[in-house]
């Protein structure tokens, strides 16, 4: 029985780490870029300094 409990803790730990990594990657993807931003659209070219 103790072996099964250790495997369960290992699986739960791996899931917690996986959720943390995915959350961090999502945060990095949604974060606004820093620096100079150039947009080309129907209104023409706009340049913004962030």
Protein backbone atom coordinates (compact mmCIF):
# COMPACT_ATOMS: atom_id res chain seq x y z
CA UNK A 1 0.00 0.00 0.00
CA UNK A 2 2.73 2.62 0.75
CA UNK A 3 4.04 2.24 -2.82
CA UNK A 4 0.66 3.16 -4.28
CA UNK A 5 0.47 6.24 -2.05
CA UNK A 6 3.92 7.41 -3.23
CA UNK A 7 2.89 7.01 -6.85
CA UNK A 8 -0.27 9.04 -6.16
CA UNK A 9 1.80 11.84 -4.58
CA UNK A 10 4.17 11.75 -7.56
CA UNK A 11 1.30 12.07 -10.04
CA UNK A 12 -0.27 14.94 -8.06
CA UNK A 13 3.11 16.70 -7.89
CA UNK A 14 3.63 16.35 -11.63
CA UNK A 15 0.16 17.76 -12.29
CA UNK A 16 0.84 20.77 -10.04
CA UNK A 17 4.11 21.46 -11.86
CA UNK A 18 2.43 21.07 -15.28
CA UNK A 19 -0.34 23.53 -14.32
CA UNK A 20 2.27 26.00 -13.08
CA UNK A 21 4.29 25.79 -16.30
CA UNK A 22 1.21 26.16 -18.49
CA UNK A 23 0.00 29.14 -16.45
CA UNK A 24 3.38 30.84 -16.76
CA UNK A 25 3.47 30.25 -20.52
CA UNK A 26 -0.04 31.69 -20.87
CA UNK A 27 0.99 34.74 -18.82
CA UNK A 28 4.03 35.32 -21.05
CA UNK A 29 1.90 34.99 -24.22
CA UNK A 30 -0.69 37.54 -23.00
CA UNK A 31 1.84 40.08 -21.70
CA UNK A 32 2.20 43.26 -23.73
CA UNK A 33 5.49 43.50 -25.62
CA UNK A 34 7.94 46.14 -24.49
CA UNK A 35 9.73 48.60 -26.75
CA UNK A 36 8.67 49.91 -30.13
CA UNK A 37 5.44 48.66 -31.69
CA UNK A 38 4.65 49.20 -35.39
CA UNK A 39 1.09 48.53 -36.62
CA UNK A 40 -0.03 48.56 -40.24
CA UNK A 41 -3.78 48.76 -40.71
CA UNK A 42 -6.51 50.37 -42.76
CA UNK A 43 -5.76 53.73 -41.13
CA UNK A 44 -2.13 53.61 -42.19
CA UNK A 45 1.05 52.98 -40.23
CA UNK A 46 1.17 53.75 -36.51
CA UNK A 47 4.29 53.65 -34.35
CA UNK A 48 4.00 53.49 -30.56
CA UNK A 49 6.78 53.63 -28.01
CA UNK A 50 5.90 51.37 -25.06
